[in-house]
C-alpha atoms as a PDB file:
ATOM      1  CA  UNK A   1     103.329 119.585 104.456  1.00  0.00           C
ATOM      2  CA  UNK A   2     101.441 122.885 104.581  1.00  0.00           C
ATOM      3  CA  UNK A   3      97.770 122.985 105.471  1.00  0.00           C
ATOM      4  CA  UNK A   4      95.301 123.738 102.744  1.00  0.00           C
ATOM      5  CA  UNK A   5      93.939 127.244 102.844  1.00  0.00           C
ATOM      6  CA  UNK A   6      90.566 126.371 101.298  1.00  0.00           C
ATOM      7  CA  UNK A   7      88.572 123.282 102.208  1.00  0.00           C
ATOM      8  CA  UNK A   8      87.901 120.958  99.298  1.00  0.00           C
ATOM      9  CA  UNK A   9      84.506 121.204  97.634  1.00  0.00           C
ATOM     10  CA  UNK A  10      82.570 119.316  94.977  1.00  0.00           C
ATOM     11  CA  UNK A  11      84.501 117.140  92.536  1.00  0.00           C
ATOM     12  CA  UNK A  12      87.844 117.898  94.213  1.00  0.00           C
ATOM     13  CA  UNK A  13      86.496 116.492  97.478  1.00  0.00           C
ATOM     14  CA  UNK A  14      85.239 113.329  95.757  1.00  0.00           C
ATOM     15  CA  UNK A  15      88.617 112.859  94.048  1.00  0.00           C
ATOM     16  CA  UNK A  16      90.466 113.327  97.343  1.00  0.00           C
ATOM     17  CA  UNK A  17      88.280 110.739  99.102  1.00  0.00           C
ATOM     18  CA  UNK A  18      88.931 108.240  96.283  1.00  0.00           C
ATOM     19  CA  UNK A  19      92.661 108.953  96.418  1.00  0.00           C
ATOM     20  CA  UNK A  20      92.827 108.454 100.173  1.00  0.00           C
ATOM     21  CA  UNK A  21      90.880 105.191 100.006  1.00  0.00           C
ATOM     22  CA  UNK A  22      93.244 103.901  97.304  1.00  0.00           C
ATOM     23  CA  UNK A  23      96.276 104.893  99.398  1.00  0.00           C
ATOM     24  CA  UNK A  24      94.805 103.118 102.433  1.00  0.00           C
ATOM     25  CA  UNK A  25      94.168 100.011 100.322  1.00  0.00           C
ATOM     26  CA  UNK A  26      97.759 100.039  99.079  1.00  0.00           C
ATOM     27  CA  UNK A  27      98.983 100.211 102.687  1.00  0.00           C
ATOM     28  CA  UNK A  28      96.581  97.362 103.524  1.00  0.00           C
ATOM     29  CA  UNK A  29      97.966  95.238 100.689  1.00  0.00           C
ATOM     30  CA  UNK A  30     101.504  95.967 101.895  1.00  0.00           C
ATOM     31  CA  UNK A  31     100.544  94.863 105.463  1.00  0.00           C
ATOM     32  CA  UNK A  32     101.375  98.318 106.814  1.00  0.00           C
ATOM     33  CA  UNK A  33      98.474  98.437 109.255  1.00  0.00           C
ATOM     34  CA  UNK A  34      99.468 101.561 111.184  1.00  0.00           C
ATOM     35  CA  UNK A  35      99.677 103.681 108.044  1.00  0.00           C
ATOM     36  CA  UNK A  36      96.511 102.076 106.692  1.00  0.00           C
ATOM     37  CA  UNK A  37      94.631 102.895 109.877  1.00  0.00           C
ATOM     38  CA  UNK A  38      95.598 106.576 109.733  1.00  0.00           C
ATOM     39  CA  UNK A  39      94.838 106.978 106.046  1.00  0.00           C
ATOM     40  CA  UNK A  40      91.533 105.123 106.415  1.00  0.00           C
ATOM     41  CA  UNK A  41      90.478 107.441 109.264  1.00  0.00           C
ATOM     42  CA  UNK A  42      91.258 110.498 107.135  1.00  0.00           C
ATOM     43  CA  UNK A  43      89.335 109.042 104.197  1.00  0.00           C
ATOM     44  CA  UNK A  44      86.391 108.168 106.411  1.00  0.00           C
ATOM     45  CA  UNK A  45      86.316 111.675 107.921  1.00  0.00           C
ATOM     46  CA  UNK A  46      86.185 113.196 104.433  1.00  0.00           C
ATOM     47  CA  UNK A  47      83.665 110.593 103.250  1.00  0.00           C
ATOM     48  CA  UNK A  48      81.310 111.533 106.076  1.00  0.00           C
ATOM     49  CA  UNK A  49      81.249 115.141 104.823  1.00  0.00           C
ATOM     50  CA  UNK A  50      79.974 114.113 101.370  1.00  0.00           C
ATOM     51  CA  UNK A  51      76.371 114.465 100.277  1.00  0.00           C
ATOM     52  CA  UNK A  52      74.462 111.387  99.107  1.00  0.00           C
ATOM     53  CA  UNK A  53      74.948 112.381  95.439  1.00  0.00           C
ATOM     54  CA  UNK A  54      78.695 112.766  95.952  1.00  0.00           C
ATOM     55  CA  UNK A  55      78.921 109.401  97.716  1.00  0.00           C
ATOM     56  CA  UNK A  56      77.341 107.760  94.697  1.00  0.00           C
ATOM     57  CA  UNK A  57      80.148 109.137  92.498  1.00  0.00           C
ATOM     58  CA  UNK A  58      82.724 107.103  94.446  1.00  0.00           C
ATOM     59  CA  UNK A  59      83.219 103.680  92.843  1.00  0.00           C
ATOM     60  CA  UNK A  60      81.348 100.940  94.678  1.00  0.00           C
ATOM     61  CA  UNK A  61      84.495  98.877  95.174  1.00  0.00           C
ATOM     62  CA  UNK A  62      86.091 101.724  97.138  1.00  0.00           C
ATOM     63  CA  UNK A  63      82.968 102.387  99.179  1.00  0.00           C
ATOM     64  CA  UNK A  64      82.660  98.721 100.130  1.00  0.00           C
ATOM     65  CA  UNK A  65      86.284  98.533 101.192  1.00  0.00           C
ATOM     66  CA  UNK A  66      86.050 101.711 103.258  1.00  0.00           C
ATOM     67  CA  UNK A  67      82.826 100.889 105.033  1.00  0.00           C
ATOM     68  CA  UNK A  68      82.802  97.124 105.424  1.00  0.00           C
ATOM     69  CA  UNK A  69      85.999  95.317 104.465  1.00  0.00           C
ATOM     70  CA  UNK A  70      88.292  97.364 106.666  1.00  0.00           C
ATOM     71  CA  UNK A  71      85.772  97.465 109.536  1.00  0.00           C
ATOM     72  CA  UNK A  72      86.798  93.881 110.218  1.00  0.00           C
ATOM     73  CA  UNK A  73      90.253  94.962 111.359  1.00  0.00           C
ATOM     74  CA  UNK A  74      89.920  98.620 112.308  1.00  0.00           C
ATOM     75  CA  UNK A  75      86.612  98.934 114.115  1.00  0.00           C
ATOM     76  CA  UNK A  76      86.303  99.910 117.769  1.00  0.00           C
ATOM     77  CA  UNK A  77      85.602  96.362 118.989  1.00  0.00           C
ATOM     78  CA  UNK A  78      89.086  95.227 117.922  1.00  0.00           C
ATOM     79  CA  UNK A  79      92.046  95.181 120.288  1.00  0.00           C
ATOM     80  CA  UNK A  80      94.105  98.347 119.726  1.00  0.00           C
ATOM     81  CA  UNK A  81      97.672  97.973 118.458  1.00  0.00           C
ATOM     82  CA  UNK A  82     100.450  97.823 121.016  1.00  0.00           C
ATOM     83  CA  UNK A  83     102.956 100.643 121.127  1.00  0.00           C
ATOM     84  CA  UNK A  84     106.169  98.645 121.596  1.00  0.00           C
ATOM     85  CA  UNK A  85     107.084  95.043 122.003  1.00  0.00           C
ATOM     86  CA  UNK A  86     108.481  94.057 125.389  1.00  0.00           C
ATOM     87  CA  UNK A  87     111.829  92.217 125.295  1.00  0.00           C
ATOM     88  CA  UNK A  88     111.856  88.674 126.610  1.00  0.00           C
ATOM     89  CA  UNK A  89     113.778  88.206 129.825  1.00  0.00           C
END
């Protein structure tokens, strides 16, 4: 996928944050934790660029999931995922 030439601004940025949170939640519901982790990090990075007024435009259910619900499994205090499973000998 090609990189965007212009950074998102205003309503487009808010819509993109909402979209990314919804995609992360769908990965979460499908138990695809690796994809969820990556999408959540992208959503969180965009969310942190929003102003307070823009953050209020994001539905509360999405904000709660992004900030608190997923912190339970994806925060820094959790054990990181393993790269590959070792075969039993």
